[in-house]
Amino acid sequence: MDLEAINEHLIPVIVIAGLIVGYVIRVTPVLQPAREYIPLIVCILGAVLGTIIQGVTVEAIIMGAVSGLASTGLNQVFRKALNLKEGG
């Protein structure tokens, strides 16, 4: 699988936005109750951004939502690769 195949199914801007929003939620003390909902939040954010970027189509909504969820998975890959603890 090459990067072109990934770009066909994911929107990199949304993945990066999801990583940033998830990180902000995780490290902001006021937002700590929302930590367990980070995957849902970035999924919805991705769907909304997908429609803004590509127009209101089912494909754009799904690609945006999947891109948002991919940011959660990418965060976990980074954490495992860098041996970071879950707290911050």
C-alpha atoms as a PDB file:
ATOM      1  CA  MET A   1       0.000   0.000   0.000  1.00  0.00           C
ATOM      2  CA  ASP A   2       1.433   3.354  -0.970  1.00  0.00           C
ATOM      3  CA  LEU A   3       0.567   6.871   0.099  1.00  0.00           C
ATOM      4  CA  GLU A   4      -1.587   7.440  -2.974  1.00  0.00           C
ATOM      5  CA  ALA A   5      -3.975   4.684  -1.855  1.00  0.00           C
ATOM      6  CA  ILE A   6      -4.210   6.245   1.597  1.00  0.00           C
ATOM      7  CA  ASN A   7      -4.939   9.676   0.107  1.00  0.00           C
ATOM      8  CA  GLU A   8      -7.830   8.174  -1.852  1.00  0.00           C
ATOM      9  CA  HIS A   9      -9.617   7.200   1.365  1.00  0.00           C
ATOM     10  CA  LEU A  10      -8.357   9.671   3.977  1.00  0.00           C
ATOM     11  CA  ILE A  11      -8.205  13.446   4.025  1.00  0.00           C
ATOM     12  CA  PRO A  12      -4.836  14.368   5.611  1.00  0.00           C
ATOM     13  CA  VAL A  13      -6.016  17.810   6.785  1.00  0.00           C
ATOM     14  CA  ILE A  14      -8.808  16.160   8.768  1.00  0.00           C
ATOM     15  CA  VAL A  15      -6.433  13.588  10.274  1.00  0.00           C
ATOM     16  CA  ILE A  16      -4.169  16.406  11.472  1.00  0.00           C
ATOM     17  CA  ALA A  17      -7.133  18.415  12.785  1.00  0.00           C
ATOM     18  CA  GLY A  18      -8.340  15.340  14.686  1.00  0.00           C
ATOM     19  CA  LEU A  19      -4.897  14.820  16.217  1.00  0.00           C
ATOM     20  CA  ILE A  20      -4.788  18.436  17.370  1.00  0.00           C
ATOM     21  CA  VAL A  21      -8.322  18.476  18.794  1.00  0.00           C
ATOM     22  CA  GLY A  22      -7.775  15.143  20.556  1.00  0.00           C
ATOM     23  CA  TYR A  23      -4.522  16.388  22.064  1.00  0.00           C
ATOM     24  CA  VAL A  24      -6.112  19.628  23.274  1.00  0.00           C
ATOM     25  CA  ILE A  25      -8.964  17.707  24.907  1.00  0.00           C
ATOM     26  CA  ARG A  26      -6.513  15.302  26.552  1.00  0.00           C
ATOM     27  CA  VAL A  27      -4.239  17.977  28.070  1.00  0.00           C
ATOM     28  CA  THR A  28      -6.788  20.656  29.028  1.00  0.00           C
ATOM     29  CA  PRO A  29      -7.904  20.164  32.647  1.00  0.00           C
ATOM     30  CA  VAL A  30     -11.373  21.641  32.064  1.00  0.00           C
ATOM     31  CA  LEU A  31     -12.025  19.160  29.242  1.00  0.00           C
ATOM     32  CA  GLN A  32     -10.981  16.032  31.166  1.00  0.00           C
ATOM     33  CA  PRO A  33     -14.560  14.669  31.376  1.00  0.00           C
ATOM     34  CA  ALA A  34     -14.643  14.619  27.552  1.00  0.00           C
ATOM     35  CA  ARG A  35     -11.551  12.374  27.262  1.00  0.00           C
ATOM     36  CA  GLU A  36     -13.572   9.200  26.911  1.00  0.00           C
ATOM     37  CA  TYR A  37     -15.481  10.753  24.013  1.00  0.00           C
ATOM     38  CA  ILE A  38     -12.434  11.793  21.959  1.00  0.00           C
ATOM     39  CA  PRO A  39     -13.043   9.161  19.218  1.00  0.00           C
ATOM     40  CA  LEU A  40     -16.669  10.279  18.871  1.00  0.00           C
ATOM     41  CA  ILE A  41     -15.713  13.965  18.880  1.00  0.00           C
ATOM     42  CA  VAL A  42     -13.052  13.582  16.177  1.00  0.00           C
ATOM     43  CA  CYS A  43     -15.382  11.368  14.118  1.00  0.00           C
ATOM     44  CA  ILE A  44     -18.087  14.040  14.129  1.00  0.00           C
ATOM     45  CA  LEU A  45     -15.507  16.778  13.534  1.00  0.00           C
ATOM     46  CA  GLY A  46     -14.153  14.794  10.591  1.00  0.00           C
ATOM     47  CA  ALA A  47     -17.610  14.341   9.089  1.00  0.00           C
ATOM     48  CA  VAL A  48     -18.319  18.069   9.374  1.00  0.00           C
ATOM     49  CA  LEU A  49     -14.935  19.055   7.936  1.00  0.00           C
ATOM     50  CA  GLY A  50     -15.342  16.494   5.163  1.00  0.00           C
ATOM     51  CA  THR A  51     -18.555  18.136   4.041  1.00  0.00           C
ATOM     52  CA  ILE A  52     -16.962  21.583   4.225  1.00  0.00           C
ATOM     53  CA  ILE A  53     -13.949  20.493   2.173  1.00  0.00           C
ATOM     54  CA  GLN A  54     -15.655  18.252  -0.393  1.00  0.00           C
ATOM     55  CA  GLY A  55     -19.287  19.307  -0.370  1.00  0.00           C
ATOM     56  CA  VAL A  56     -22.352  17.644   1.087  1.00  0.00           C
ATOM     57  CA  THR A  57     -22.220  14.069  -0.180  1.00  0.00           C
ATOM     58  CA  VAL A  58     -22.410  10.738   1.586  1.00  0.00           C
ATOM     59  CA  GLU A  59     -18.887   9.950   0.400  1.00  0.00           C
ATOM     60  CA  ALA A  60     -17.527  13.195   1.879  1.00  0.00           C
ATOM     61  CA  ILE A  61     -19.229  12.525   5.217  1.00  0.00           C
ATOM     62  CA  ILE A  62     -17.870   8.974   5.400  1.00  0.00           C
ATOM     63  CA  MET A  63     -14.357   9.946   4.279  1.00  0.00           C
ATOM     64  CA  GLY A  64     -14.329  12.762   6.824  1.00  0.00           C
ATOM     65  CA  ALA A  65     -15.549  10.539   9.652  1.00  0.00           C
ATOM     66  CA  VAL A  66     -13.019   7.809   8.807  1.00  0.00           C
ATOM     67  CA  SER A  67     -10.254  10.418   8.621  1.00  0.00           C
ATOM     68  CA  GLY A  68     -11.253  11.692  12.056  1.00  0.00           C
ATOM     69  CA  LEU A  69     -11.191   8.187  13.505  1.00  0.00           C
ATOM     70  CA  ALA A  70      -7.843   7.530  11.824  1.00  0.00           C
ATOM     71  CA  SER A  71      -6.398  10.372  13.882  1.00  0.00           C
ATOM     72  CA  THR A  72      -7.280   8.433  17.041  1.00  0.00           C
ATOM     73  CA  GLY A  73      -5.522   5.340  15.726  1.00  0.00           C
ATOM     74  CA  LEU A  74      -2.527   7.385  14.607  1.00  0.00           C
ATOM     75  CA  ASN A  75      -2.280   8.898  18.077  1.00  0.00           C
ATOM     76  CA  GLN A  76      -2.106   5.404  19.574  1.00  0.00           C
ATOM     77  CA  VAL A  77       0.578   4.343  17.075  1.00  0.00           C
ATOM     78  CA  PHE A  78       2.687   7.379  18.039  1.00  0.00           C
ATOM     79  CA  ARG A  79       2.211   6.638  21.733  1.00  0.00           C
ATOM     80  CA  LYS A  80       3.309   3.013  21.342  1.00  0.00           C
ATOM     81  CA  ALA A  81       6.262   3.897  19.094  1.00  0.00           C
ATOM     82  CA  LEU A  82       7.524   6.602  21.458  1.00  0.00           C
ATOM     83  CA  ASN A  83       6.652   4.671  24.654  1.00  0.00           C
ATOM     84  CA  LEU A  84       4.583   7.563  25.991  1.00  0.00           C
ATOM     85  CA  LYS A  85       2.332   7.162  28.992  1.00  0.00           C
ATOM     86  CA  GLU A  86      -1.434   7.602  28.580  1.00  0.00           C
ATOM     87  CA  GLY A  87      -1.813  10.531  30.981  1.00  0.00           C
ATOM     88  CA  GLY A  88      -0.498  13.398  28.895  1.00  0.00           C
END
